[in-house]
PDB file of N, CA and C in Angstrom:
ATOM      1  N   MET A   1       0.829  -1.193   0.000  1.00  0.00           N
ATOM      2  CA  MET A   1       0.000   0.000   0.000  1.00  0.00           C
ATOM      3  C   MET A   1       0.875   1.258   0.000  1.00  0.00           C
ATOM      4  N   GLN A   2       1.979   1.187   0.751  1.00  0.00           N
ATOM      5  CA  GLN A   2       2.874   2.337   0.820  1.00  0.00           C
ATOM      6  C   GLN A   2       3.486   2.627  -0.554  1.00  0.00           C
ATOM      7  N   ARG A   3       3.841   1.555  -1.309  1.00  0.00           N
ATOM      8  CA  ARG A   3       4.396   1.754  -2.651  1.00  0.00           C
ATOM      9  C   ARG A   3       3.395   2.444  -3.557  1.00  0.00           C
ATOM     10  N   LEU A   4       2.124   2.046  -3.448  1.00  0.00           N
ATOM     11  CA  LEU A   4       1.079   2.659  -4.253  1.00  0.00           C
ATOM     12  C   LEU A   4       0.943   4.141  -3.901  1.00  0.00           C
ATOM     13  N   TYR A   5       0.931   4.430  -2.615  1.00  0.00           N
ATOM     14  CA  TYR A   5       0.807   5.820  -2.168  1.00  0.00           C
ATOM     15  C   TYR A   5       1.982   6.650  -2.669  1.00  0.00           C
ATOM     16  N   ASN A   6       3.202   6.124  -2.527  1.00  0.00           N
ATOM     17  CA  ASN A   6       4.387   6.862  -2.975  1.00  0.00           C
ATOM     18  C   ASN A   6       4.365   7.087  -4.476  1.00  0.00           C
ATOM     19  N   GLY A   7       3.906   6.090  -5.232  1.00  0.00           N
ATOM     20  CA  GLY A   7       3.803   6.246  -6.677  1.00  0.00           C
ATOM     21  C   GLY A   7       2.805   7.320  -7.069  1.00  0.00           C
ATOM     22  N   MET A   8       1.650   7.340  -6.399  1.00  0.00           N
ATOM     23  CA  MET A   8       0.629   8.357  -6.693  1.00  0.00           C
ATOM     24  C   MET A   8       1.147   9.752  -6.309  1.00  0.00           C
ATOM     25  N   ARG A   9       1.825   9.837  -5.161  1.00  0.00           N
ATOM     26  CA  ARG A   9       2.355  11.128  -4.729  1.00  0.00           C
ATOM     27  C   ARG A   9       3.401  11.624  -5.717  1.00  0.00           C
ATOM     28  N   SER A  10       4.230  10.716  -6.229  1.00  0.00           N
ATOM     29  CA  SER A  10       5.248  11.082  -7.194  1.00  0.00           C
ATOM     30  C   SER A  10       4.616  11.617  -8.479  1.00  0.00           C
ATOM     31  N   ARG A  11       3.556  10.934  -8.963  1.00  0.00           N
ATOM     32  CA  ARG A  11       2.862  11.409 -10.169  1.00  0.00           C
ATOM     33  C   ARG A  11       2.227  12.778  -9.937  1.00  0.00           C
ATOM     34  N   TRP A  12       1.623  12.956  -8.774  1.00  0.00           N
ATOM     35  CA  TRP A  12       0.989  14.226  -8.430  1.00  0.00           C
ATOM     36  C   TRP A  12       2.029  15.351  -8.427  1.00  0.00           C
ATOM     37  N   ASN A  13       3.178  15.091  -7.823  1.00  0.00           N
ATOM     38  CA  ASN A  13       4.235  16.104  -7.766  1.00  0.00           C
ATOM     39  C   ASN A  13       4.756  16.447  -9.155  1.00  0.00           C
ATOM     40  N   ARG A  14       4.894  15.426 -10.023  1.00  0.00           N
ATOM     41  CA  ARG A  14       5.339  15.710 -11.384  1.00  0.00           C
ATOM     42  C   ARG A  14       4.323  16.552 -12.133  1.00  0.00           C
ATOM     43  N   LEU A  15       3.041  16.294 -11.915  1.00  0.00           N
ATOM     44  CA  LEU A  15       1.990  17.054 -12.586  1.00  0.00           C
ATOM     45  C   LEU A  15       2.035  18.526 -12.184  1.00  0.00           C
ATOM     46  N   PHE A  16       2.159  18.794 -10.894  1.00  0.00           N
ATOM     47  CA  PHE A  16       2.083  20.176 -10.424  1.00  0.00           C
ATOM     48  C   PHE A  16       3.422  20.897 -10.441  1.00  0.00           C
ATOM     49  N   ARG A  17       4.426  20.292 -11.008  1.00  0.00           N
ATOM     50  CA  ARG A  17       5.705  20.960 -11.171  1.00  0.00           C
ATOM     51  C   ARG A  17       5.599  22.019 -12.271  1.00  0.00           C
ATOM     52  N   TYR A  18       4.660  21.863 -13.188  1.00  0.00           N
ATOM     53  CA  TYR A  18       4.518  22.788 -14.302  1.00  0.00           C
ATOM     54  C   TYR A  18       3.596  23.939 -13.917  1.00  0.00           C
ATOM     55  N   LYS A  19       4.005  25.146 -14.265  1.00  0.00           N
ATOM     56  CA  LYS A  19       3.237  26.332 -13.880  1.00  0.00           C
ATOM     57  C   LYS A  19       1.876  26.391 -14.564  1.00  0.00           C
ATOM     58  N   SER A  20       1.747  25.792 -15.736  1.00  0.00           N
ATOM     59  CA  SER A  20       0.490  25.889 -16.473  1.00  0.00           C
ATOM     60  C   SER A  20      -0.663  25.190 -15.752  1.00  0.00           C
ATOM     61  N   VAL A  21      -0.384  24.205 -14.911  1.00  0.00           N
ATOM     62  CA  VAL A  21      -1.463  23.523 -14.206  1.00  0.00           C
ATOM     63  C   VAL A  21      -1.508  23.868 -12.732  1.00  0.00           C
ATOM     64  N   ARG A  22      -0.506  24.580 -12.235  1.00  0.00           N
ATOM     65  CA  ARG A  22      -0.477  24.951 -10.832  1.00  0.00           C
ATOM     66  C   ARG A  22      -1.427  26.128 -10.607  1.00  0.00           C
ATOM     67  N   PRO A  23      -2.295  26.058  -9.614  1.00  0.00           N
ATOM     68  CA  PRO A  23      -3.201  27.182  -9.366  1.00  0.00           C
ATOM     69  C   PRO A  23      -2.415  28.427  -8.935  1.00  0.00           C
ATOM     70  N   THR A  24      -2.858  29.562  -9.405  1.00  0.00           N
ATOM     71  CA  THR A  24      -2.167  30.803  -9.033  1.00  0.00           C
ATOM     72  C   THR A  24      -2.873  31.429  -7.842  1.00  0.00           C
ATOM     73  N   ILE A  25      -2.196  32.364  -7.217  1.00  0.00           N
ATOM     74  CA  ILE A  25      -2.754  33.048  -6.048  1.00  0.00           C
ATOM     75  C   ILE A  25      -4.029  33.795  -6.430  1.00  0.00           C
ATOM     76  N   ASN A  26      -4.075  34.337  -7.635  1.00  0.00           N
ATOM     77  CA  ASN A  26      -5.219  35.136  -8.055  1.00  0.00           C
ATOM     78  C   ASN A  26      -6.501  34.310  -8.201  1.00  0.00           C
ATOM     79  N   THR A  27      -6.376  33.003  -8.365  1.00  0.00           N
ATOM     80  CA  THR A  27      -7.572  32.192  -8.570  1.00  0.00           C
ATOM     81  C   THR A  27      -8.162  31.659  -7.268  1.00  0.00           C
ATOM     82  N   ILE A  28      -7.457  31.822  -6.164  1.00  0.00           N
ATOM     83  CA  ILE A  28      -7.958  31.324  -4.892  1.00  0.00           C
ATOM     84  C   ILE A  28      -8.986  32.315  -4.345  1.00  0.00           C
ATOM     85  N   GLN A  29     -10.148  31.792  -3.966  1.00  0.00           N
ATOM     86  CA  GLN A  29     -11.206  32.650  -3.458  1.00  0.00           C
ATOM     87  C   GLN A  29     -11.305  32.508  -1.945  1.00  0.00           C
ATOM     88  N   THR A  30     -11.577  33.603  -1.292  1.00  0.00           N
ATOM     89  CA  THR A  30     -11.775  33.557   0.146  1.00  0.00           C
ATOM     90  C   THR A  30     -13.204  33.147   0.435  1.00  0.00           C
ATOM     91  N   GLN A  31     -13.520  32.890   1.694  1.00  0.00           N
ATOM     92  CA  GLN A  31     -14.864  32.481   2.075  1.00  0.00           C
ATOM     93  C   GLN A  31     -15.888  33.568   1.732  1.00  0.00           C
ATOM     94  N   GLU A  32     -15.489  34.851   1.851  1.00  0.00           N
ATOM     95  CA  GLU A  32     -16.437  35.925   1.523  1.00  0.00           C
ATOM     96  C   GLU A  32     -16.774  35.941   0.034  1.00  0.00           C
ATOM     97  N   GLU A  33     -15.785  35.616  -0.805  1.00  0.00           N
ATOM     98  CA  GLU A  33     -16.022  35.613  -2.245  1.00  0.00           C
ATOM     99  C   GLU A  33     -16.808  34.381  -2.698  1.00  0.00           C
ATOM    100  N   SER A  34     -16.647  33.282  -1.979  1.00  0.00           N
ATOM    101  CA  SER A  34     -17.296  32.030  -2.357  1.00  0.00           C
ATOM    102  C   SER A  34     -18.004  31.427  -1.147  1.00  0.00           C
ATOM    103  N   PRO A  35     -19.181  31.932  -0.808  1.00  0.00           N
ATOM    104  CA  PRO A  35     -19.862  31.449   0.393  1.00  0.00           C
ATOM    105  C   PRO A  35     -20.336  30.001   0.307  1.00  0.00           C
ATOM    106  N   THR A  36     -20.418  29.432  -0.897  1.00  0.00           N
ATOM    107  CA  THR A  36     -20.890  28.047  -1.033  1.00  0.00           C
ATOM    108  C   THR A  36     -19.748  27.041  -1.001  1.00  0.00           C
ATOM    109  N   GLU A  37     -18.537  27.499  -0.774  1.00  0.00           N
ATOM    110  CA  GLU A  37     -17.366  26.620  -0.845  1.00  0.00           C
ATOM    111  C   GLU A  37     -17.456  25.434   0.111  1.00  0.00           C
ATOM    112  N   ASP A  38     -17.930  25.643   1.318  1.00  0.00           N
ATOM    113  CA  ASP A  38     -17.961  24.577   2.306  1.00  0.00           C
ATOM    114  C   ASP A  38     -19.233  23.729   2.246  1.00  0.00           C
ATOM    115  N   LYS A  39     -20.162  24.076   1.394  1.00  0.00           N
ATOM    116  CA  LYS A  39     -21.394  23.309   1.310  1.00  0.00           C
ATOM    117  C   LYS A  39     -21.155  22.043   0.495  1.00  0.00           C
ATOM    118  N   PRO A  40     -21.727  20.926   0.905  1.00  0.00           N
ATOM    119  CA  PRO A  40     -21.529  19.686   0.142  1.00  0.00           C
ATOM    120  C   PRO A  40     -22.193  19.753  -1.218  1.00  0.00           C
ATOM    121  N   HIS A  41     -21.602  19.059  -2.173  1.00  0.00           N
ATOM    122  CA  HIS A  41     -22.123  19.053  -3.538  1.00  0.00           C
ATOM    123  C   HIS A  41     -22.895  17.774  -3.840  1.00  0.00           C
ATOM    124  N   THR A  42     -23.437  17.152  -2.829  1.00  0.00           N
ATOM    125  CA  THR A  42     -24.140  15.885  -3.029  1.00  0.00           C
ATOM    126  C   THR A  42     -25.605  16.137  -3.356  1.00  0.00           C
ATOM    127  N   LYS A  43     -26.136  15.245  -4.160  1.00  0.00           N
ATOM    128  CA  LYS A  43     -27.551  15.284  -4.486  1.00  0.00           C
ATOM    129  C   LYS A  43     -28.209  14.087  -3.828  1.00  0.00           C
ATOM    130  N   LYS A  44     -29.436  14.254  -3.412  1.00  0.00           N
ATOM    131  CA  LYS A  44     -30.148  13.133  -2.817  1.00  0.00           C
ATOM    132  C   LYS A  44     -30.533  12.144  -3.904  1.00  0.00           C
ATOM    133  N   ARG A  45     -30.320  10.879  -3.610  1.00  0.00           N
ATOM    134  CA  ARG A  45     -30.679   9.834  -4.554  1.00  0.00           C
ATOM    135  C   ARG A  45     -32.127   9.429  -4.356  1.00  0.00           C
ATOM    136  N   PRO A  46     -32.814   9.131  -5.447  1.00  0.00           N
ATOM    137  CA  PRO A  46     -34.154   8.575  -5.282  1.00  0.00           C
ATOM    138  C   PRO A  46     -34.040   7.208  -4.610  1.00  0.00           C
ATOM    139  N   SER A  47     -34.998   6.886  -3.765  1.00  0.00           N
ATOM    140  CA  SER A  47     -34.926   5.634  -3.014  1.00  0.00           C
ATOM    141  C   SER A  47     -35.042   4.407  -3.910  1.00  0.00           C
ATOM    142  N   ASP A  48     -35.617   4.563  -5.109  1.00  0.00           N
ATOM    143  CA  ASP A  48     -35.776   3.412  -6.000  1.00  0.00           C
ATOM    144  C   ASP A  48     -34.597   3.233  -6.960  1.00  0.00           C
ATOM    145  N   GLN A  49     -33.544   4.034  -6.814  1.00  0.00           N
ATOM    146  CA  GLN A  49     -32.392   3.944  -7.705  1.00  0.00           C
ATOM    147  C   GLN A  49     -31.606   2.666  -7.424  1.00  0.00           C
ATOM    148  N   ASP A  50     -31.204   1.968  -8.489  1.00  0.00           N
ATOM    149  CA  ASP A  50     -30.428   0.740  -8.377  1.00  0.00           C
ATOM    150  C   ASP A  50     -28.943   1.078  -8.547  1.00  0.00           C
ATOM    151  N   ASN A  51     -28.202   1.136  -7.445  1.00  0.00           N
ATOM    152  CA  ASN A  51     -26.789   1.510  -7.492  1.00  0.00           C
ATOM    153  C   ASN A  51     -25.886   0.380  -7.940  1.00  0.00           C
ATOM    154  N   VAL A  52     -26.421  -0.807  -8.139  1.00  0.00           N
ATOM    155  CA  VAL A  52     -25.605  -1.939  -8.560  1.00  0.00           C
ATOM    156  C   VAL A  52     -25.722  -2.155 -10.066  1.00  0.00           C
ATOM    157  N   ASN A  53     -26.926  -2.301 -10.569  1.00  0.00           N
ATOM    158  CA  ASN A  53     -27.128  -2.662 -11.968  1.00  0.00           C
ATOM    159  C   ASN A  53     -27.233  -1.485 -12.921  1.00  0.00           C
ATOM    160  N   ASN A  54     -27.723  -0.356 -12.449  1.00  0.00           N
ATOM    161  CA  ASN A  54     -27.929   0.776 -13.350  1.00  0.00           C
ATOM    162  C   ASN A  54     -27.838   2.101 -12.608  1.00  0.00           C
ATOM    163  N   PRO A  55     -26.651   2.447 -12.090  1.00  0.00           N
ATOM    164  CA  PRO A  55     -26.539   3.722 -11.382  1.00  0.00           C
ATOM    165  C   PRO A  55     -26.663   4.898 -12.353  1.00  0.00           C
ATOM    166  N   VAL A  56     -27.461   5.873 -11.972  1.00  0.00           N
ATOM    167  CA  VAL A  56     -27.740   7.022 -12.838  1.00  0.00           C
ATOM    168  C   VAL A  56     -26.466   7.788 -13.182  1.00  0.00           C
ATOM    169  N   HIS A  57     -25.541   7.900 -12.231  1.00  0.00           N
ATOM    170  CA  HIS A  57     -24.337   8.708 -12.448  1.00  0.00           C
ATOM    171  C   HIS A  57     -23.357   8.070 -13.425  1.00  0.00           C
ATOM    172  N   TYR A  58     -23.605   6.855 -13.912  1.00  0.00           N
ATOM    173  CA  TYR A  58     -22.743   6.225 -14.897  1.00  0.00           C
ATOM    174  C   TYR A  58     -23.352   6.225 -16.291  1.00  0.00           C
ATOM    175  N   ASN A  59     -24.415   6.979 -16.511  1.00  0.00           N
ATOM    176  CA  ASN A  59     -25.047   7.035 -17.815  1.00  0.00           C
ATOM    177  C   ASN A  59     -25.246   8.498 -18.183  1.00  0.00           C
ATOM    178  N   GLN A  60     -24.420   8.979 -19.088  1.00  0.00           N
ATOM    179  CA  GLN A  60     -24.513  10.371 -19.520  1.00  0.00           C
ATOM    180  C   GLN A  60     -24.743  10.412 -21.026  1.00  0.00           C
ATOM    181  N   ALA A  61     -25.694  11.177 -21.442  1.00  0.00           N
ATOM    182  CA  ALA A  61     -26.016  11.362 -22.864  1.00  0.00           C
ATOM    183  C   ALA A  61     -26.295  10.032 -23.556  1.00  0.00           C
ATOM    184  N   GLY A  62     -26.898   9.089 -22.814  1.00  0.00           N
ATOM    185  CA  GLY A  62     -27.275   7.816 -23.401  1.00  0.00           C
ATOM    186  C   GLY A  62     -26.134   6.820 -23.552  1.00  0.00           C
ATOM    187  N   ILE A  63     -24.956   7.144 -23.038  1.00  0.00           N
ATOM    188  CA  ILE A  63     -23.804   6.247 -23.143  1.00  0.00           C
ATOM    189  C   ILE A  63     -23.478   5.707 -21.758  1.00  0.00           C
ATOM    190  N   GLU A  64     -23.493   4.385 -21.625  1.00  0.00           N
ATOM    191  CA  GLU A  64     -23.114   3.755 -20.369  1.00  0.00           C
ATOM    192  C   GLU A  64     -21.602   3.831 -20.216  1.00  0.00           C
ATOM    193  N   CYS A  65     -21.153   4.204 -19.049  1.00  0.00           N
ATOM    194  CA  CYS A  65     -19.723   4.316 -18.771  1.00  0.00           C
ATOM    195  C   CYS A  65     -19.007   2.991 -19.037  1.00  0.00           C
ATOM    196  N   ILE A  66     -19.588   1.881 -18.636  1.00  0.00           N
ATOM    197  CA  ILE A  66     -18.946   0.574 -18.805  1.00  0.00           C
ATOM    198  C   ILE A  66     -18.734   0.252 -20.286  1.00  0.00           C
ATOM    199  N   ASP A  67     -19.643   0.688 -21.147  1.00  0.00           N
ATOM    200  CA  ASP A  67     -19.494   0.460 -22.587  1.00  0.00           C
ATOM    201  C   ASP A  67     -18.357   1.307 -23.156  1.00  0.00           C
ATOM    202  N   ALA A  68     -18.233   2.529 -22.680  1.00  0.00           N
ATOM    203  CA  ALA A  68     -17.136   3.394 -23.128  1.00  0.00           C
ATOM    204  C   ALA A  68     -15.789   2.830 -22.680  1.00  0.00           C
ATOM    205  N   ILE A  69     -15.737   2.310 -21.451  1.00  0.00           N
ATOM    206  CA  ILE A  69     -14.499   1.715 -20.945  1.00  0.00           C
ATOM    207  C   ILE A  69     -14.137   0.478 -21.766  1.00  0.00           C
ATOM    208  N   GLU A  70     -15.121  -0.347 -22.065  1.00  0.00           N
ATOM    209  CA  GLU A  70     -14.871  -1.551 -22.871  1.00  0.00           C
ATOM    210  C   GLU A  70     -14.324  -1.185 -24.243  1.00  0.00           C
ATOM    211  N   ALA A  71     -14.898  -0.163 -24.864  1.00  0.00           N
ATOM    212  CA  ALA A  71     -14.432   0.264 -26.181  1.00  0.00           C
ATOM    213  C   ALA A  71     -13.016   0.824 -26.109  1.00  0.00           C
ATOM    214  N   ALA A  72     -12.700   1.540 -25.039  1.00  0.00           N
ATOM    215  CA  ALA A  72     -11.381   2.154 -24.917  1.00  0.00           C
ATOM    216  C   ALA A  72     -10.299   1.137 -24.581  1.00  0.00           C
ATOM    217  N   LEU A  73     -10.619   0.152 -23.759  1.00  0.00           N
ATOM    218  CA  LEU A  73      -9.601  -0.793 -23.288  1.00  0.00           C
ATOM    219  C   LEU A  73      -9.416  -1.999 -24.183  1.00  0.00           C
ATOM    220  N   ASP A  74     -10.416  -2.310 -24.983  1.00  0.00           N
ATOM    221  CA  ASP A  74     -10.369  -3.462 -25.882  1.00  0.00           C
ATOM    222  C   ASP A  74     -10.011  -4.723 -25.107  1.00  0.00           C
ATOM    223  N   GLU A  75      -8.841  -5.308 -25.306  1.00  0.00           N
ATOM    224  CA  GLU A  75      -8.502  -6.559 -24.630  1.00  0.00           C
ATOM    225  C   GLU A  75      -8.191  -6.365 -23.149  1.00  0.00           C
ATOM    226  N   GLY A  76      -7.869  -5.172 -22.735  1.00  0.00           N
ATOM    227  CA  GLY A  76      -7.590  -4.889 -21.332  1.00  0.00           C
ATOM    228  C   GLY A  76      -8.843  -4.838 -20.479  1.00  0.00           C
ATOM    229  N   PHE A  77      -9.992  -4.860 -21.120  1.00  0.00           N
ATOM    230  CA  PHE A  77     -11.263  -4.782 -20.398  1.00  0.00           C
ATOM    231  C   PHE A  77     -11.433  -5.959 -19.442  1.00  0.00           C
ATOM    232  N   GLU A  78     -10.955  -7.125 -19.837  1.00  0.00           N
ATOM    233  CA  GLU A  78     -11.042  -8.308 -18.977  1.00  0.00           C
ATOM    234  C   GLU A  78     -10.308  -8.067 -17.657  1.00  0.00           C
ATOM    235  N   TYR A  79      -9.144  -7.445 -17.731  1.00  0.00           N
ATOM    236  CA  TYR A  79      -8.360  -7.160 -16.525  1.00  0.00           C
ATOM    237  C   TYR A  79      -9.019  -6.078 -15.673  1.00  0.00           C
ATOM    238  N   TYR A  80      -9.662  -5.144 -16.344  1.00  0.00           N
ATOM    239  CA  TYR A  80     -10.419  -4.110 -15.633  1.00  0.00           C
ATOM    240  C   TYR A  80     -11.523  -4.751 -14.793  1.00  0.00           C
ATOM    241  N   LEU A  81     -12.238  -5.697 -15.400  1.00  0.00           N
ATOM    242  CA  LEU A  81     -13.309  -6.386 -14.679  1.00  0.00           C
ATOM    243  C   LEU A  81     -12.748  -7.170 -13.492  1.00  0.00           C
ATOM    244  N   GLN A  82     -11.650  -7.875 -13.695  1.00  0.00           N
ATOM    245  CA  GLN A  82     -11.022  -8.635 -12.613  1.00  0.00           C
ATOM    246  C   GLN A  82     -10.624  -7.708 -11.466  1.00  0.00           C
ATOM    247  N   GLY A  83     -10.078  -6.550 -11.805  1.00  0.00           N
ATOM    248  CA  GLY A  83      -9.668  -5.596 -10.783  1.00  0.00           C
ATOM    249  C   GLY A  83     -10.844  -5.095  -9.963  1.00  0.00           C
ATOM    250  N   ASN A  84     -11.962  -4.837 -10.627  1.00  0.00           N
ATOM    251  CA  ASN A  84     -13.143  -4.361  -9.901  1.00  0.00           C
ATOM    252  C   ASN A  84     -13.744  -5.464  -9.036  1.00  0.00           C
ATOM    253  N   ILE A  85     -13.705  -6.699  -9.501  1.00  0.00           N
ATOM    254  CA  ILE A  85     -14.182  -7.812  -8.675  1.00  0.00           C
ATOM    255  C   ILE A  85     -13.357  -7.874  -7.394  1.00  0.00           C
ATOM    256  N   MET A  86     -12.029  -7.811  -7.551  1.00  0.00           N
ATOM    257  CA  MET A  86     -11.140  -7.828  -6.378  1.00  0.00           C
ATOM    258  C   MET A  86     -11.423  -6.664  -5.434  1.00  0.00           C
ATOM    259  N   LYS A  87     -11.582  -5.473  -6.014  1.00  0.00           N
ATOM    260  CA  LYS A  87     -11.796  -4.270  -5.200  1.00  0.00           C
ATOM    261  C   LYS A  87     -13.035  -4.412  -4.331  1.00  0.00           C
ATOM    262  N   TYR A  88     -14.148  -4.807  -4.942  1.00  0.00           N
ATOM    263  CA  TYR A  88     -15.390  -4.882  -4.180  1.00  0.00           C
ATOM    264  C   TYR A  88     -15.389  -6.022  -3.172  1.00  0.00           C
ATOM    265  N   LEU A  89     -14.736  -7.140  -3.487  1.00  0.00           N
ATOM    266  CA  LEU A  89     -14.626  -8.223  -2.510  1.00  0.00           C
ATOM    267  C   LEU A  89     -13.708  -7.827  -1.356  1.00  0.00           C
ATOM    268  N   TRP A  90     -12.701  -7.050  -1.657  1.00  0.00           N
ATOM    269  CA  TRP A  90     -11.735  -6.619  -0.644  1.00  0.00           C
ATOM    270  C   TRP A  90     -12.368  -5.672   0.376  1.00  0.00           C
ATOM    271  N   ARG A  91     -13.205  -4.765  -0.100  1.00  0.00           N
ATOM    272  CA  ARG A  91     -13.673  -3.695   0.782  1.00  0.00           C
ATOM    273  C   ARG A  91     -15.055  -3.899   1.384  1.00  0.00           C
ATOM    274  N   TYR A  92     -15.784  -4.958   0.997  1.00  0.00           N
ATOM    275  CA  TYR A  92     -17.189  -5.063   1.407  1.00  0.00           C
ATOM    276  C   TYR A  92     -17.376  -5.018   2.920  1.00  0.00           C
ATOM    277  N   ARG A  93     -16.460  -5.566   3.679  1.00  0.00           N
ATOM    278  CA  ARG A  93     -16.600  -5.570   5.149  1.00  0.00           C
ATOM    279  C   ARG A  93     -16.453  -4.183   5.753  1.00  0.00           C
ATOM    280  N   TYR A  94     -15.746  -3.318   5.060  1.00  0.00           N
ATOM    281  CA  TYR A  94     -15.383  -2.024   5.636  1.00  0.00           C
ATOM    282  C   TYR A  94     -16.172  -0.855   5.064  1.00  0.00           C
ATOM    283  N   LYS A  95     -16.857  -1.050   3.947  1.00  0.00           N
ATOM    284  CA  LYS A  95     -17.502   0.100   3.324  1.00  0.00           C
ATOM    285  C   LYS A  95     -19.002  -0.105   3.149  1.00  0.00           C
ATOM    286  N   ASN A  96     -19.430  -0.806   2.117  1.00  0.00           N
ATOM    287  CA  ASN A  96     -20.857  -0.859   1.793  1.00  0.00           C
ATOM    288  C   ASN A  96     -21.509  -2.221   1.978  1.00  0.00           C
ATOM    289  N   GLY A  97     -20.816  -3.167   2.570  1.00  0.00           N
ATOM    290  CA  GLY A  97     -21.410  -4.461   2.890  1.00  0.00           C
ATOM    291  C   GLY A  97     -21.978  -5.191   1.691  1.00  0.00           C
ATOM    292  N   ALA A  98     -23.253  -5.559   1.786  1.00  0.00           N
ATOM    293  CA  ALA A  98     -23.916  -6.366   0.761  1.00  0.00           C
ATOM    294  C   ALA A  98     -23.927  -5.674  -0.601  1.00  0.00           C
ATOM    295  N   GLU A  99     -24.017  -4.352  -0.623  1.00  0.00           N
ATOM    296  CA  GLU A  99     -24.019  -3.638  -1.910  1.00  0.00           C
ATOM    297  C   GLU A  99     -22.709  -3.879  -2.655  1.00  0.00           C
ATOM    298  N   ASP A 100     -21.579  -3.870  -1.948  1.00  0.00           N
ATOM    299  CA  ASP A 100     -20.299  -4.150  -2.597  1.00  0.00           C
ATOM    300  C   ASP A 100     -20.227  -5.591  -3.091  1.00  0.00           C
ATOM    301  N   LEU A 101     -20.807  -6.531  -2.356  1.00  0.00           N
ATOM    302  CA  LEU A 101     -20.837  -7.924  -2.814  1.00  0.00           C
ATOM    303  C   LEU A 101     -21.667  -8.050  -4.088  1.00  0.00           C
ATOM    304  N   LYS A 102     -22.758  -7.299  -4.154  1.00  0.00           N
ATOM    305  CA  LYS A 102     -23.595  -7.320  -5.357  1.00  0.00           C
ATOM    306  C   LYS A 102     -22.850  -6.713  -6.544  1.00  0.00           C
ATOM    307  N   LYS A 103     -22.058  -5.660  -6.292  1.00  0.00           N
ATOM    308  CA  LYS A 103     -21.269  -5.053  -7.363  1.00  0.00           C
ATOM    309  C   LYS A 103     -20.202  -6.022  -7.855  1.00  0.00           C
ATOM    310  N   ALA A 104     -19.559  -6.747  -6.933  1.00  0.00           N
ATOM    311  CA  ALA A 104     -18.572  -7.757  -7.326  1.00  0.00           C
ATOM    312  C   ALA A 104     -19.245  -8.834  -8.178  1.00  0.00           C
ATOM    313  N   GLU A 105     -20.444  -9.217  -7.787  1.00  0.00           N
ATOM    314  CA  GLU A 105     -21.199 -10.216  -8.547  1.00  0.00           C
ATOM    315  C   GLU A 105     -21.537  -9.691  -9.941  1.00  0.00           C
ATOM    316  N   TRP A 106     -21.887  -8.400 -10.040  1.00  0.00           N
ATOM    317  CA  TRP A 106     -22.220  -7.801 -11.326  1.00  0.00           C
ATOM    318  C   TRP A 106     -21.019  -7.849 -12.263  1.00  0.00           C
ATOM    319  N   TYR A 107     -19.842  -7.449 -11.740  1.00  0.00           N
ATOM    320  CA  TYR A 107     -18.628  -7.480 -12.562  1.00  0.00           C
ATOM    321  C   TYR A 107     -18.253  -8.911 -12.920  1.00  0.00           C
ATOM    322  N   ASN A 108     -18.483  -9.856 -12.020  1.00  0.00           N
ATOM    323  CA  ASN A 108     -18.201 -11.254 -12.304  1.00  0.00           C
ATOM    324  C   ASN A 108     -19.096 -11.773 -13.434  1.00  0.00           C
ATOM    325  N   LYS A 109     -20.375 -11.423 -13.402  1.00  0.00           N
ATOM    326  CA  LYS A 109     -21.293 -11.823 -14.479  1.00  0.00           C
ATOM    327  C   LYS A 109     -20.866 -11.210 -15.808  1.00  0.00           C
ATOM    328  N   LYS A 110     -20.431  -9.959 -15.762  1.00  0.00           N
ATOM    329  CA  LYS A 110     -19.965  -9.275 -16.971  1.00  0.00           C
ATOM    330  C   LYS A 110     -18.738  -9.987 -17.537  1.00  0.00           C
ATOM    331  N   LEU A 111     -17.828 -10.411 -16.658  1.00  0.00           N
ATOM    332  CA  LEU A 111     -16.642 -11.133 -17.073  1.00  0.00           C
ATOM    333  C   LEU A 111     -17.003 -12.487 -17.694  1.00  0.00           C
ATOM    334  N   ILE A 112     -17.942 -13.172 -17.092  1.00  0.00           N
ATOM    335  CA  ILE A 112     -18.405 -14.465 -17.624  1.00  0.00           C
ATOM    336  C   ILE A 112     -19.014 -14.261 -19.022  1.00  0.00           C
ATOM    337  N   GLU A 113     -19.853 -13.224 -19.180  1.00  0.00           N
ATOM    338  CA  GLU A 113     -20.442 -12.927 -20.495  1.00  0.00           C
ATOM    339  C   GLU A 113     -19.356 -12.680 -21.526  1.00  0.00           C
ATOM    340  N   LEU A 114     -18.344 -11.933 -21.136  1.00  0.00           N
ATOM    341  CA  LEU A 114     -17.242 -11.608 -22.042  1.00  0.00           C
ATOM    342  C   LEU A 114     -16.496 -12.876 -22.467  1.00  0.00           C
ATOM    343  N   LYS A 115     -16.229 -13.756 -21.518  1.00  0.00           N
ATOM    344  CA  LYS A 115     -15.492 -14.992 -21.825  1.00  0.00           C
ATOM    345  C   LYS A 115     -16.343 -15.945 -22.669  1.00  0.00           C
ATOM    346  N   GLU A 116     -17.649 -15.966 -22.448  1.00  0.00           N
ATOM    347  CA  GLU A 116     -18.516 -16.847 -23.231  1.00  0.00           C
ATOM    348  C   GLU A 116     -18.672 -16.364 -24.671  1.00  0.00           C
ATOM    349  N   LYS A 117     -18.532 -15.057 -24.903  1.00  0.00           N
ATOM    350  CA  LYS A 117     -18.604 -14.515 -26.265  1.00  0.00           C
ATOM    351  C   LYS A 117     -17.403 -14.925 -27.097  1.00  0.00           C
ATOM    352  N   LYS A 118     -16.248 -15.089 -26.444  1.00  0.00           N
ATOM    353  CA  LYS A 118     -15.000 -15.386 -27.175  1.00  0.00           C
ATOM    354  C   LYS A 118     -14.929 -16.815 -27.617  1.00  0.00           C
TER     355      LYS A 118
END
């Protein structure tokens, strides 16, 4: 985990070494200039929303995020699915419980469909 953290920190530092992406002093707003800064940007979810099979936030302009990822990764998509299965099985006890297990199951079914097509 420490290696992963150090790698991410190293990439972050390389990114912000360039002045073109580093925020300038003039762009920082004080609380008086931006009174909504500390307010959360969350929206309430409808109670009937299915966060496992069809989350609303993964479908923009009629394109499912998973379909765009599959098109972009081509053969790497199988590894993407495996990684998500691992992630949700790893964290279910500590984060979302049964919902994470259902998400792992969803990715597993997707992987099975992919392998059966080949």
